[in-house]
């Protein structure tokens, strides 16, 4: 299938052909009286659907940014709270170590030799 741009041009050219040559085609037994209109309607529908896609893609881009910001905030807030708890408890206390484990469990990288959990 040709590109969308080529399809639009193709439809315009085909519609023009049938409108321009209607009489000659009819003389040969082909009634193409409304074919130009039908083709233009299909072209216009395809263009409208494509425009809707463009709007949705722009909205999706914005929503992806919003989601990234929301996830960053969802991580940063409890991470800062855990930092505060660790500071108050003293980083060597058992409770502070537990808080540190919670925070570091998200950022811990798997070593190449270590099996994935």
PDB file of N, CA and C in Angstrom:
ATOM      1  N   UNK A   1       0.854  -1.166   0.000  1.00  0.00           N
ATOM      2  CA  UNK A   1       0.000   0.000   0.000  1.00  0.00           C
ATOM      3  C   UNK A   1       0.907   1.239   0.000  1.00  0.00           C
ATOM      4  N   UNK A   2       0.541   2.243  -0.794  1.00  0.00           N
ATOM      5  CA  UNK A   2       1.348   3.476  -0.827  1.00  0.00           C
ATOM      6  C   UNK A   2       1.216   4.265   0.466  1.00  0.00           C
ATOM      7  N   UNK A   3       2.081   5.260   0.601  1.00  0.00           N
ATOM      8  CA  UNK A   3       2.043   6.105   1.793  1.00  0.00           C
ATOM      9  C   UNK A   3       0.715   6.854   1.858  1.00  0.00           C
ATOM     10  N   UNK A   4       0.455   7.422   3.019  1.00  0.00           N
ATOM     11  CA  UNK A   4      -0.790   8.174   3.191  1.00  0.00           C
ATOM     12  C   UNK A   4      -0.825   9.375   2.252  1.00  0.00           C
ATOM     13  N   UNK A   5       0.284  10.066   2.131  1.00  0.00           N
ATOM     14  CA  UNK A   5       0.345  11.242   1.263  1.00  0.00           C
ATOM     15  C   UNK A   5       0.093  10.849  -0.189  1.00  0.00           C
ATOM     16  N   UNK A   6       0.730   9.760  -0.628  1.00  0.00           N
ATOM     17  CA  UNK A   6       0.524   9.303  -1.996  1.00  0.00           C
ATOM     18  C   UNK A   6      -0.914   8.847  -2.216  1.00  0.00           C
ATOM     19  N   UNK A   7      -1.505   8.239  -1.198  1.00  0.00           N
ATOM     20  CA  UNK A   7      -2.892   7.788  -1.318  1.00  0.00           C
ATOM     21  C   UNK A   7      -3.831   8.971  -1.505  1.00  0.00           C
ATOM     22  N   UNK A   8      -3.597  10.047  -0.767  1.00  0.00           N
ATOM     23  CA  UNK A   8      -4.439  11.242  -0.888  1.00  0.00           C
ATOM     24  C   UNK A   8      -4.335  11.817  -2.308  1.00  0.00           C
ATOM     25  N   UNK A   9      -3.124  11.925  -2.814  1.00  0.00           N
ATOM     26  CA  UNK A   9      -2.924  12.409  -4.189  1.00  0.00           C
ATOM     27  C   UNK A   9      -3.556  11.488  -5.213  1.00  0.00           C
ATOM     28  N   UNK A  10      -3.402  10.189  -5.004  1.00  0.00           N
ATOM     29  CA  UNK A  10      -3.997   9.183  -5.886  1.00  0.00           C
ATOM     30  C   UNK A  10      -5.514   9.337  -5.938  1.00  0.00           C
ATOM     31  N   UNK A  11      -6.132   9.493  -4.784  1.00  0.00           N
ATOM     32  CA  UNK A  11      -7.584   9.654  -4.729  1.00  0.00           C
ATOM     33  C   UNK A  11      -8.025  10.919  -5.471  1.00  0.00           C
ATOM     34  N   UNK A  12      -7.316  12.004  -5.257  1.00  0.00           N
ATOM     35  CA  UNK A  12      -7.658  13.262  -5.933  1.00  0.00           C
ATOM     36  C   UNK A  12      -7.552  13.115  -7.443  1.00  0.00           C
ATOM     37  N   UNK A  13      -6.470  12.483  -7.901  1.00  0.00           N
ATOM     38  CA  UNK A  13      -6.281  12.278  -9.337  1.00  0.00           C
ATOM     39  C   UNK A  13      -7.343  11.348  -9.921  1.00  0.00           C
ATOM     40  N   UNK A  14      -7.654  10.274  -9.202  1.00  0.00           N
ATOM     41  CA  UNK A  14      -8.668   9.331  -9.693  1.00  0.00           C
ATOM     42  C   UNK A  14     -10.042   9.990  -9.756  1.00  0.00           C
ATOM     43  N   UNK A  15     -10.394  10.750  -8.724  1.00  0.00           N
ATOM     44  CA  UNK A  15     -11.686  11.448  -8.712  1.00  0.00           C
ATOM     45  C   UNK A  15     -11.771  12.411  -9.892  1.00  0.00           C
ATOM     46  N   UNK A  16     -10.705  13.155 -10.128  1.00  0.00           N
ATOM     47  CA  UNK A  16     -10.666  14.098 -11.250  1.00  0.00           C
ATOM     48  C   UNK A  16     -10.805  13.361 -12.579  1.00  0.00           C
ATOM     49  N   UNK A  17     -10.142  12.222 -12.700  1.00  0.00           N
ATOM     50  CA  UNK A  17     -10.230  11.420 -13.923  1.00  0.00           C
ATOM     51  C   UNK A  17     -11.673  11.023 -14.215  1.00  0.00           C
ATOM     52  N   UNK A  18     -12.359  10.490 -13.201  1.00  0.00           N
ATOM     53  CA  UNK A  18     -13.731  10.028 -13.425  1.00  0.00           C
ATOM     54  C   UNK A  18     -14.686  11.188 -13.703  1.00  0.00           C
ATOM     55  N   UNK A  19     -14.449  12.321 -13.090  1.00  0.00           N
ATOM     56  CA  UNK A  19     -15.307  13.482 -13.344  1.00  0.00           C
ATOM     57  C   UNK A  19     -15.052  14.059 -14.740  1.00  0.00           C
ATOM     58  N   UNK A  20     -13.801  14.109 -15.129  1.00  0.00           N
ATOM     59  CA  UNK A  20     -13.445  14.661 -16.435  1.00  0.00           C
ATOM     60  C   UNK A  20     -13.896  13.752 -17.576  1.00  0.00           C
ATOM     61  N   UNK A  21     -13.826  12.469 -17.384  1.00  0.00           N
ATOM     62  CA  UNK A  21     -14.086  11.495 -18.455  1.00  0.00           C
ATOM     63  C   UNK A  21     -15.415  10.771 -18.303  1.00  0.00           C
ATOM     64  N   UNK A  22     -16.314  11.332 -17.540  1.00  0.00           N
ATOM     65  CA  UNK A  22     -17.610  10.706 -17.265  1.00  0.00           C
ATOM     66  C   UNK A  22     -18.362  10.357 -18.550  1.00  0.00           C
ATOM     67  N   UNK A  23     -18.455  11.284 -19.470  1.00  0.00           N
ATOM     68  CA  UNK A  23     -19.238  11.073 -20.701  1.00  0.00           C
ATOM     69  C   UNK A  23     -18.643   9.971 -21.574  1.00  0.00           C
ATOM     70  N   UNK A  24     -17.335   9.999 -21.730  1.00  0.00           N
ATOM     71  CA  UNK A  24     -16.688   8.973 -22.560  1.00  0.00           C
ATOM     72  C   UNK A  24     -16.841   7.589 -21.934  1.00  0.00           C
ATOM     73  N   UNK A  25     -16.711   7.517 -20.614  1.00  0.00           N
ATOM     74  CA  UNK A  25     -16.887   6.232 -19.927  1.00  0.00           C
ATOM     75  C   UNK A  25     -18.328   5.740 -20.049  1.00  0.00           C
ATOM     76  N   UNK A  26     -19.277   6.672 -19.940  1.00  0.00           N
ATOM     77  CA  UNK A  26     -20.690   6.304 -20.069  1.00  0.00           C
ATOM     78  C   UNK A  26     -20.979   5.797 -21.477  1.00  0.00           C
ATOM     79  N   UNK A  27     -20.361   6.414 -22.482  1.00  0.00           N
ATOM     80  CA  UNK A  27     -20.547   5.980 -23.869  1.00  0.00           C
ATOM     81  C   UNK A  27     -20.039   4.555 -24.072  1.00  0.00           C
ATOM     82  N   UNK A  28     -19.068   4.167 -23.284  1.00  0.00           N
ATOM     83  CA  UNK A  28     -18.526   2.798 -23.358  1.00  0.00           C
ATOM     84  C   UNK A  28     -19.259   1.837 -22.420  1.00  0.00           C
ATOM     85  N   UNK A  29     -20.298   2.343 -21.713  1.00  0.00           N
ATOM     86  CA  UNK A  29     -21.109   1.481 -20.870  1.00  0.00           C
ATOM     87  C   UNK A  29     -20.748   1.509 -19.391  1.00  0.00           C
ATOM     88  N   UNK A  30     -19.845   2.391 -18.984  1.00  0.00           N
ATOM     89  CA  UNK A  30     -19.456   2.467 -17.576  1.00  0.00           C
ATOM     90  C   UNK A  30     -20.053   3.728 -16.969  1.00  0.00           C
ATOM     91  N   UNK A  31     -21.010   3.549 -16.071  1.00  0.00           N
ATOM     92  CA  UNK A  31     -21.643   4.689 -15.403  1.00  0.00           C
ATOM     93  C   UNK A  31     -20.830   5.035 -14.154  1.00  0.00           C
ATOM     94  N   UNK A  32     -19.998   6.044 -14.279  1.00  0.00           N
ATOM     95  CA  UNK A  32     -19.127   6.475 -13.170  1.00  0.00           C
ATOM     96  C   UNK A  32     -19.570   7.836 -12.643  1.00  0.00           C
ATOM     97  N   UNK A  33     -20.856   8.116 -12.761  1.00  0.00           N
ATOM     98  CA  UNK A  33     -21.393   9.445 -12.445  1.00  0.00           C
ATOM     99  C   UNK A  33     -21.029   9.907 -11.035  1.00  0.00           C
ATOM    100  N   UNK A  34     -21.097   9.042 -10.062  1.00  0.00           N
ATOM    101  CA  UNK A  34     -20.825   9.479  -8.680  1.00  0.00           C
ATOM    102  C   UNK A  34     -19.502   8.934  -8.125  1.00  0.00           C
ATOM    103  N   UNK A  35     -18.677   8.367  -8.974  1.00  0.00           N
ATOM    104  CA  UNK A  35     -17.438   7.778  -8.493  1.00  0.00           C
ATOM    105  C   UNK A  35     -16.476   8.841  -7.959  1.00  0.00           C
ATOM    106  N   UNK A  36     -16.401   9.970  -8.617  1.00  0.00           N
ATOM    107  CA  UNK A  36     -15.523  11.043  -8.145  1.00  0.00           C
ATOM    108  C   UNK A  36     -15.910  11.480  -6.743  1.00  0.00           C
ATOM    109  N   UNK A  37     -17.226  11.621  -6.522  1.00  0.00           N
ATOM    110  CA  UNK A  37     -17.722  12.011  -5.200  1.00  0.00           C
ATOM    111  C   UNK A  37     -17.399  10.937  -4.169  1.00  0.00           C
ATOM    112  N   UNK A  38     -17.625   9.676  -4.524  1.00  0.00           N
ATOM    113  CA  UNK A  38     -17.326   8.576  -3.600  1.00  0.00           C
ATOM    114  C   UNK A  38     -15.843   8.553  -3.226  1.00  0.00           C
ATOM    115  N   UNK A  39     -15.003   8.731  -4.223  1.00  0.00           N
ATOM    116  CA  UNK A  39     -13.554   8.703  -3.975  1.00  0.00           C
ATOM    117  C   UNK A  39     -13.148   9.854  -3.058  1.00  0.00           C
ATOM    118  N   UNK A  40     -13.674  11.043  -3.316  1.00  0.00           N
ATOM    119  CA  UNK A  40     -13.339  12.206  -2.474  1.00  0.00           C
ATOM    120  C   UNK A  40     -13.835  12.002  -1.035  1.00  0.00           C
ATOM    121  N   UNK A  41     -15.012  11.392  -0.876  1.00  0.00           N
ATOM    122  CA  UNK A  41     -15.525  11.116   0.467  1.00  0.00           C
ATOM    123  C   UNK A  41     -14.603  10.159   1.212  1.00  0.00           C
ATOM    124  N   UNK A  42     -14.137   9.130   0.522  1.00  0.00           N
ATOM    125  CA  UNK A  42     -13.218   8.166   1.155  1.00  0.00           C
ATOM    126  C   UNK A  42     -11.882   8.841   1.494  1.00  0.00           C
ATOM    127  N   UNK A  43     -11.392   9.689   0.580  1.00  0.00           N
ATOM    128  CA  UNK A  43     -10.156  10.440   0.840  1.00  0.00           C
ATOM    129  C   UNK A  43     -10.325  11.341   2.055  1.00  0.00           C
ATOM    130  N   UNK A  44     -11.446  12.063   2.107  1.00  0.00           N
ATOM    131  CA  UNK A  44     -11.696  12.982   3.215  1.00  0.00           C
ATOM    132  C   UNK A  44     -11.854  12.236   4.537  1.00  0.00           C
ATOM    133  N   UNK A  45     -12.474  11.058   4.493  1.00  0.00           N
ATOM    134  CA  UNK A  45     -12.608  10.247   5.708  1.00  0.00           C
ATOM    135  C   UNK A  45     -11.231   9.796   6.199  1.00  0.00           C
ATOM    136  N   UNK A  46     -10.390   9.332   5.274  1.00  0.00           N
ATOM    137  CA  UNK A  46      -9.042   8.893   5.655  1.00  0.00           C
ATOM    138  C   UNK A  46      -8.253  10.050   6.261  1.00  0.00           C
ATOM    139  N   UNK A  47      -8.385  11.225   5.681  1.00  0.00           N
ATOM    140  CA  UNK A  47      -7.684  12.407   6.191  1.00  0.00           C
ATOM    141  C   UNK A  47      -8.182  12.769   7.590  1.00  0.00           C
ATOM    142  N   UNK A  48      -9.499  12.677   7.801  1.00  0.00           N
ATOM    143  CA  UNK A  48     -10.075  13.003   9.110  1.00  0.00           C
ATOM    144  C   UNK A  48      -9.596  12.018  10.178  1.00  0.00           C
ATOM    145  N   UNK A  49      -9.584  10.729   9.839  1.00  0.00           N
ATOM    146  CA  UNK A  49      -9.119   9.718  10.799  1.00  0.00           C
ATOM    147  C   UNK A  49      -7.649   9.954  11.129  1.00  0.00           C
ATOM    148  N   UNK A  50      -6.862  10.301  10.126  1.00  0.00           N
ATOM    149  CA  UNK A  50      -5.448  10.576  10.342  1.00  0.00           C
ATOM    150  C   UNK A  50      -5.259  11.789  11.247  1.00  0.00           C
ATOM    151  N   UNK A  51      -6.098  12.791  11.079  1.00  0.00           N
ATOM    152  CA  UNK A  51      -6.023  13.979  11.937  1.00  0.00           C
ATOM    153  C   UNK A  51      -6.355  13.611  13.382  1.00  0.00           C
ATOM    154  N   UNK A  52      -7.325  12.716  13.569  1.00  0.00           N
ATOM    155  CA  UNK A  52      -7.666  12.253  14.917  1.00  0.00           C
ATOM    156  C   UNK A  52      -6.474  11.538  15.547  1.00  0.00           C
ATOM    157  N   UNK A  53      -5.779  10.743  14.757  1.00  0.00           N
ATOM    158  CA  UNK A  53      -4.598  10.032  15.256  1.00  0.00           C
ATOM    159  C   UNK A  53      -3.539  11.033  15.708  1.00  0.00           C
ATOM    160  N   UNK A  54      -3.340  12.084  14.926  1.00  0.00           N
ATOM    161  CA  UNK A  54      -2.352  13.106  15.292  1.00  0.00           C
ATOM    162  C   UNK A  54      -2.688  13.748  16.636  1.00  0.00           C
ATOM    163  N   UNK A  55      -3.962  14.032  16.852  1.00  0.00           N
ATOM    164  CA  UNK A  55      -4.401  14.624  18.121  1.00  0.00           C
ATOM    165  C   UNK A  55      -4.148  13.642  19.265  1.00  0.00           C
ATOM    166  N   UNK A  56      -4.510  12.383  19.059  1.00  0.00           N
ATOM    167  CA  UNK A  56      -4.327  11.368  20.104  1.00  0.00           C
ATOM    168  C   UNK A  56      -2.841  11.155  20.414  1.00  0.00           C
ATOM    169  N   UNK A  57      -2.000  11.187  19.388  1.00  0.00           N
ATOM    170  CA  UNK A  57      -0.564  11.020  19.622  1.00  0.00           C
ATOM    171  C   UNK A  57      -0.009  12.181  20.437  1.00  0.00           C
ATOM    172  N   UNK A  58      -0.478  13.379  20.151  1.00  0.00           N
ATOM    173  CA  UNK A  58      -0.033  14.544  20.932  1.00  0.00           C
ATOM    174  C   UNK A  58      -0.492  14.412  22.380  1.00  0.00           C
ATOM    175  N   UNK A  59      -1.728  13.959  22.574  1.00  0.00           N
ATOM    176  CA  UNK A  59      -2.239  13.760  23.931  1.00  0.00           C
ATOM    177  C   UNK A  59      -1.459  12.663  24.648  1.00  0.00           C
ATOM    178  N   UNK A  60      -1.118  11.609  23.926  1.00  0.00           N
ATOM    179  CA  UNK A  60      -0.349  10.512  24.513  1.00  0.00           C
ATOM    180  C   UNK A  60       1.032  10.991  24.956  1.00  0.00           C
ATOM    181  N   UNK A  61       1.651  11.838  24.151  1.00  0.00           N
ATOM    182  CA  UNK A  61       2.962  12.372  24.515  1.00  0.00           C
ATOM    183  C   UNK A  61       2.875  13.154  25.828  1.00  0.00           C
ATOM    184  N   UNK A  62       1.838  13.978  25.952  1.00  0.00           N
ATOM    185  CA  UNK A  62       1.635  14.755  27.177  1.00  0.00           C
ATOM    186  C   UNK A  62       1.387  13.814  28.355  1.00  0.00           C
ATOM    187  N   UNK A  63       0.552  12.802  28.159  1.00  0.00           N
ATOM    188  CA  UNK A  63       0.247  11.857  29.244  1.00  0.00           C
ATOM    189  C   UNK A  63       1.476  11.070  29.661  1.00  0.00           C
ATOM    190  N   UNK A  64       2.346  10.731  28.710  1.00  0.00           N
ATOM    191  CA  UNK A  64       3.588  10.029  29.069  1.00  0.00           C
ATOM    192  C   UNK A  64       4.466  10.901  29.950  1.00  0.00           C
ATOM    193  N   UNK A  65       4.543  12.183  29.645  1.00  0.00           N
ATOM    194  CA  UNK A  65       5.315  13.111  30.478  1.00  0.00           C
ATOM    195  C   UNK A  65       4.694  13.191  31.869  1.00  0.00           C
ATOM    196  N   UNK A  66       3.364  13.312  31.923  1.00  0.00           N
ATOM    197  CA  UNK A  66       2.669  13.366  33.218  1.00  0.00           C
ATOM    198  C   UNK A  66       2.903  12.085  34.015  1.00  0.00           C
ATOM    199  N   UNK A  67       2.862  10.940  33.343  1.00  0.00           N
ATOM    200  CA  UNK A  67       3.078   9.666  34.036  1.00  0.00           C
ATOM    201  C   UNK A  67       4.505   9.591  34.577  1.00  0.00           C
ATOM    202  N   UNK A  68       5.486  10.004  33.774  1.00  0.00           N
ATOM    203  CA  UNK A  68       6.878  10.000  34.236  1.00  0.00           C
ATOM    204  C   UNK A  68       7.047  10.874  35.472  1.00  0.00           C
ATOM    205  N   UNK A  69       6.427  12.061  35.443  1.00  0.00           N
ATOM    206  CA  UNK A  69       6.508  12.965  36.593  1.00  0.00           C
ATOM    207  C   UNK A  69       5.821  12.366  37.817  1.00  0.00           C
ATOM    208  N   UNK A  70       4.677  11.719  37.611  1.00  0.00           N
ATOM    209  CA  UNK A  70       3.951  11.110  38.729  1.00  0.00           C
ATOM    210  C   UNK A  70       4.763   9.959  39.335  1.00  0.00           C
ATOM    211  N   UNK A  71       5.395   9.144  38.495  1.00  0.00           N
ATOM    212  CA  UNK A  71       6.213   8.044  39.009  1.00  0.00           C
ATOM    213  C   UNK A  71       7.443   8.577  39.744  1.00  0.00           C
ATOM    214  N   UNK A  72       8.038   9.632  39.207  1.00  0.00           N
ATOM    215  CA  UNK A  72       9.200  10.224  39.887  1.00  0.00           C
ATOM    216  C   UNK A  72       8.791  10.732  41.264  1.00  0.00           C
ATOM    217  N   UNK A  73       7.654  11.397  41.344  1.00  0.00           N
ATOM    218  CA  UNK A  73       7.168  11.900  42.626  1.00  0.00           C
ATOM    219  C   UNK A  73       6.816  10.745  43.568  1.00  0.00           C
ATOM    220  N   UNK A  74       6.205   9.699  43.003  1.00  0.00           N
ATOM    221  CA  UNK A  74       5.832   8.537  43.819  1.00  0.00           C
ATOM    222  C   UNK A  74       7.070   7.852  44.396  1.00  0.00           C
ATOM    223  N   UNK A  75       8.198   7.917  43.693  1.00  0.00           N
ATOM    224  CA  UNK A  75       9.438   7.346  44.221  1.00  0.00           C
ATOM    225  C   UNK A  75      10.135   8.329  45.166  1.00  0.00           C
ATOM    226  N   UNK A  76      10.264   9.579  44.744  1.00  0.00           N
ATOM    227  CA  UNK A  76      11.038  10.560  45.510  1.00  0.00           C
ATOM    228  C   UNK A  76      10.470  10.820  46.903  1.00  0.00           C
ATOM    229  N   UNK A  77       9.163  10.878  47.015  1.00  0.00           N
ATOM    230  CA  UNK A  77       8.549  11.196  48.308  1.00  0.00           C
ATOM    231  C   UNK A  77       8.873  10.150  49.376  1.00  0.00           C
ATOM    232  N   UNK A  78       8.568   8.863  49.167  1.00  0.00           N
ATOM    233  CA  UNK A  78       8.909   7.900  50.221  1.00  0.00           C
ATOM    234  C   UNK A  78      10.421   7.729  50.399  1.00  0.00           C
ATOM    235  N   UNK A  79      11.200   7.925  49.325  1.00  0.00           N
ATOM    236  CA  UNK A  79      12.649   7.828  49.455  1.00  0.00           C
ATOM    237  C   UNK A  79      13.169   8.904  50.412  1.00  0.00           C
ATOM    238  N   UNK A  80      12.660  10.129  50.252  1.00  0.00           N
ATOM    239  CA  UNK A  80      13.056  11.218  51.162  1.00  0.00           C
ATOM    240  C   UNK A  80      12.581  10.949  52.581  1.00  0.00           C
ATOM    241  N   UNK A  81      11.395  10.395  52.704  1.00  0.00           N
ATOM    242  CA  UNK A  81      10.861  10.074  54.037  1.00  0.00           C
ATOM    243  C   UNK A  81      11.710   9.006  54.712  1.00  0.00           C
ATOM    244  N   UNK A  82      12.133   7.994  53.922  1.00  0.00           N
ATOM    245  CA  UNK A  82      12.999   6.960  54.480  1.00  0.00           C
ATOM    246  C   UNK A  82      14.348   7.558  54.884  1.00  0.00           C
ATOM    247  N   UNK A  83      14.878   8.487  54.063  1.00  0.00           N
ATOM    248  CA  UNK A  83      16.129   9.168  54.421  1.00  0.00           C
ATOM    249  C   UNK A  83      15.991   9.883  55.764  1.00  0.00           C
ATOM    250  N   UNK A  84      14.863  10.562  55.940  1.00  0.00           N
ATOM    251  CA  UNK A  84      14.631  11.278  57.204  1.00  0.00           C
ATOM    252  C   UNK A  84      14.586  10.301  58.366  1.00  0.00           C
ATOM    253  N   UNK A  85      13.903   9.167  58.178  1.00  0.00           N
ATOM    254  CA  UNK A  85      13.810   8.170  59.247  1.00  0.00           C
ATOM    255  C   UNK A  85      15.192   7.601  59.574  1.00  0.00           C
ATOM    256  N   UNK A  86      15.974   7.330  58.538  1.00  0.00           N
ATOM    257  CA  UNK A  86      17.328   6.796  58.746  1.00  0.00           C
ATOM    258  C   UNK A  86      18.179   7.799  59.518  1.00  0.00           C
ATOM    259  N   UNK A  87      18.047   9.073  59.168  1.00  0.00           N
ATOM    260  CA  UNK A  87      18.804  10.122  59.856  1.00  0.00           C
ATOM    261  C   UNK A  87      18.432  10.235  61.319  1.00  0.00           C
ATOM    262  N   UNK A  88      17.156  10.142  61.605  1.00  0.00           N
ATOM    263  CA  UNK A  88      16.685  10.252  62.989  1.00  0.00           C
ATOM    264  C   UNK A  88      17.088   9.033  63.801  1.00  0.00           C
ATOM    265  N   UNK A  89      17.022   7.854  63.183  1.00  0.00           N
ATOM    266  CA  UNK A  89      17.302   6.618  63.907  1.00  0.00           C
ATOM    267  C   UNK A  89      18.801   6.348  64.051  1.00  0.00           C
ATOM    268  N   UNK A  90      19.603   6.963  63.195  1.00  0.00           N
ATOM    269  CA  UNK A  90      21.033   6.643  63.184  1.00  0.00           C
ATOM    270  C   UNK A  90      21.234   5.483  62.229  1.00  0.00           C
ATOM    271  N   UNK A  91      22.043   5.664  61.186  1.00  0.00           N
ATOM    272  CA  UNK A  91      22.101   4.701  60.096  1.00  0.00           C
ATOM    273  C   UNK A  91      22.580   3.303  60.496  1.00  0.00           C
ATOM    274  N   UNK A  92      23.129   3.141  61.663  1.00  0.00           N
ATOM    275  CA  UNK A  92      23.592   1.821  62.093  1.00  0.00           C
ATOM    276  C   UNK A  92      22.555   1.056  62.913  1.00  0.00           C
ATOM    277  N   UNK A  93      21.459   1.699  63.251  1.00  0.00           N
ATOM    278  CA  UNK A  93      20.442   1.001  64.049  1.00  0.00           C
ATOM    279  C   UNK A  93      19.704  -0.014  63.182  1.00  0.00           C
ATOM    280  N   UNK A  94      19.180  -1.079  63.795  1.00  0.00           N
ATOM    281  CA  UNK A  94      18.468  -2.112  63.029  1.00  0.00           C
ATOM    282  C   UNK A  94      17.267  -1.548  62.241  1.00  0.00           C
ATOM    283  N   UNK A  95      16.538  -0.637  62.836  1.00  0.00           N
ATOM    284  CA  UNK A  95      15.373  -0.065  62.156  1.00  0.00           C
ATOM    285  C   UNK A  95      15.801   0.797  60.968  1.00  0.00           C
ATOM    286  N   UNK A  96      16.892   1.549  61.116  1.00  0.00           N
ATOM    287  CA  UNK A  96      17.406   2.365  60.018  1.00  0.00           C
ATOM    288  C   UNK A  96      17.916   1.472  58.886  1.00  0.00           C
ATOM    289  N   UNK A  97      18.554   0.370  59.241  1.00  0.00           N
ATOM    290  CA  UNK A  97      19.026  -0.564  58.220  1.00  0.00           C
ATOM    291  C   UNK A  97      17.861  -1.168  57.446  1.00  0.00           C
ATOM    292  N   UNK A  98      16.770  -1.437  58.145  1.00  0.00           N
ATOM    293  CA  UNK A  98      15.570  -1.951  57.468  1.00  0.00           C
ATOM    294  C   UNK A  98      15.027  -0.915  56.478  1.00  0.00           C
ATOM    295  N   UNK A  99      14.979   0.343  56.900  1.00  0.00           N
ATOM    296  CA  UNK A  99      14.515   1.421  56.018  1.00  0.00           C
ATOM    297  C   UNK A  99      15.442   1.559  54.811  1.00  0.00           C
ATOM    298  N   UNK A 100      16.737   1.455  55.044  1.00  0.00           N
ATOM    299  CA  UNK A 100      17.711   1.562  53.956  1.00  0.00           C
ATOM    300  C   UNK A 100      17.548   0.411  52.964  1.00  0.00           C
ATOM    301  N   UNK A 101      17.260  -0.802  53.475  1.00  0.00           N
ATOM    302  CA  UNK A 101      17.035  -1.955  52.600  1.00  0.00           C
ATOM    303  C   UNK A 101      15.815  -1.741  51.711  1.00  0.00           C
ATOM    304  N   UNK A 102      14.771  -1.169  52.293  1.00  0.00           N
ATOM    305  CA  UNK A 102      13.554  -0.895  51.500  1.00  0.00           C
ATOM    306  C   UNK A 102      13.900   0.037  50.341  1.00  0.00           C
ATOM    307  N   UNK A 103      14.612   1.107  50.654  1.00  0.00           N
ATOM    308  CA  UNK A 103      14.958   2.085  49.624  1.00  0.00           C
ATOM    309  C   UNK A 103      15.912   1.493  48.594  1.00  0.00           C
ATOM    310  N   UNK A 104      16.930   0.793  49.039  1.00  0.00           N
ATOM    311  CA  UNK A 104      17.934   0.291  48.104  1.00  0.00           C
ATOM    312  C   UNK A 104      17.427  -0.896  47.282  1.00  0.00           C
ATOM    313  N   UNK A 105      16.375  -1.554  47.729  1.00  0.00           N
ATOM    314  CA  UNK A 105      15.857  -2.697  46.970  1.00  0.00           C
ATOM    315  C   UNK A 105      15.357  -2.280  45.592  1.00  0.00           C
ATOM    316  N   UNK A 106      14.945  -1.044  45.442  1.00  0.00           N
ATOM    317  CA  UNK A 106      14.466  -0.555  44.150  1.00  0.00           C
ATOM    318  C   UNK A 106      15.628  -0.278  43.209  1.00  0.00           C
ATOM    319  N   UNK A 107      16.729   0.195  43.727  1.00  0.00           N
ATOM    320  CA  UNK A 107      17.861   0.610  42.902  1.00  0.00           C
ATOM    321  C   UNK A 107      18.947  -0.445  42.781  1.00  0.00           C
ATOM    322  N   UNK A 108      18.810  -1.541  43.471  1.00  0.00           N
ATOM    323  CA  UNK A 108      19.843  -2.564  43.468  1.00  0.00           C
ATOM    324  C   UNK A 108      19.956  -3.179  42.081  1.00  0.00           C
ATOM    325  N   UNK A 109      21.168  -3.243  41.579  1.00  0.00           N
ATOM    326  CA  UNK A 109      21.415  -3.865  40.275  1.00  0.00           C
ATOM    327  C   UNK A 109      21.803  -5.331  40.483  1.00  0.00           C
ATOM    328  N   UNK A 110      21.371  -6.166  39.570  1.00  0.00           N
ATOM    329  CA  UNK A 110      21.716  -7.581  39.629  1.00  0.00           C
ATOM    330  C   UNK A 110      23.099  -7.748  39.035  1.00  0.00           C
ATOM    331  N   UNK A 111      23.979  -8.429  39.768  1.00  0.00           N
ATOM    332  CA  UNK A 111      25.314  -8.702  39.268  1.00  0.00           C
ATOM    333  C   UNK A 111      25.222  -9.780  38.202  1.00  0.00           C
ATOM    334  N   UNK A 112      26.206  -9.805  37.304  1.00  0.00           N
ATOM    335  CA  UNK A 112      26.179 -10.772  36.211  1.00  0.00           C
ATOM    336  C   UNK A 112      26.185 -12.212  36.726  1.00  0.00           C
ATOM    337  N   UNK A 113      26.916 -12.465  37.788  1.00  0.00           N
ATOM    338  CA  UNK A 113      27.014 -13.822  38.330  1.00  0.00           C
ATOM    339  C   UNK A 113      25.851 -14.170  39.230  1.00  0.00           C
ATOM    340  N   UNK A 114      25.117 -13.155  39.680  1.00  0.00           N
ATOM    341  CA  UNK A 114      24.034 -13.374  40.622  1.00  0.00           C
ATOM    342  C   UNK A 114      22.749 -13.739  39.870  1.00  0.00           C
ATOM    343  N   UNK A 115      22.095 -14.838  40.275  1.00  0.00           N
ATOM    344  CA  UNK A 115      20.853 -15.196  39.582  1.00  0.00           C
ATOM    345  C   UNK A 115      19.763 -14.167  39.855  1.00  0.00           C
ATOM    346  N   UNK A 116      18.913 -13.934  38.832  1.00  0.00           N
ATOM    347  CA  UNK A 116      17.811 -12.991  39.003  1.00  0.00           C
ATOM    348  C   UNK A 116      16.773 -13.563  39.938  1.00  0.00           C
ATOM    349  N   UNK A 117      16.192 -12.685  40.745  1.00  0.00           N
ATOM    350  CA  UNK A 117      15.188 -13.144  41.706  1.00  0.00           C
ATOM    351  C   UNK A 117      13.813 -12.965  41.145  1.00  0.00           C
TER     352      UNK A 117
END
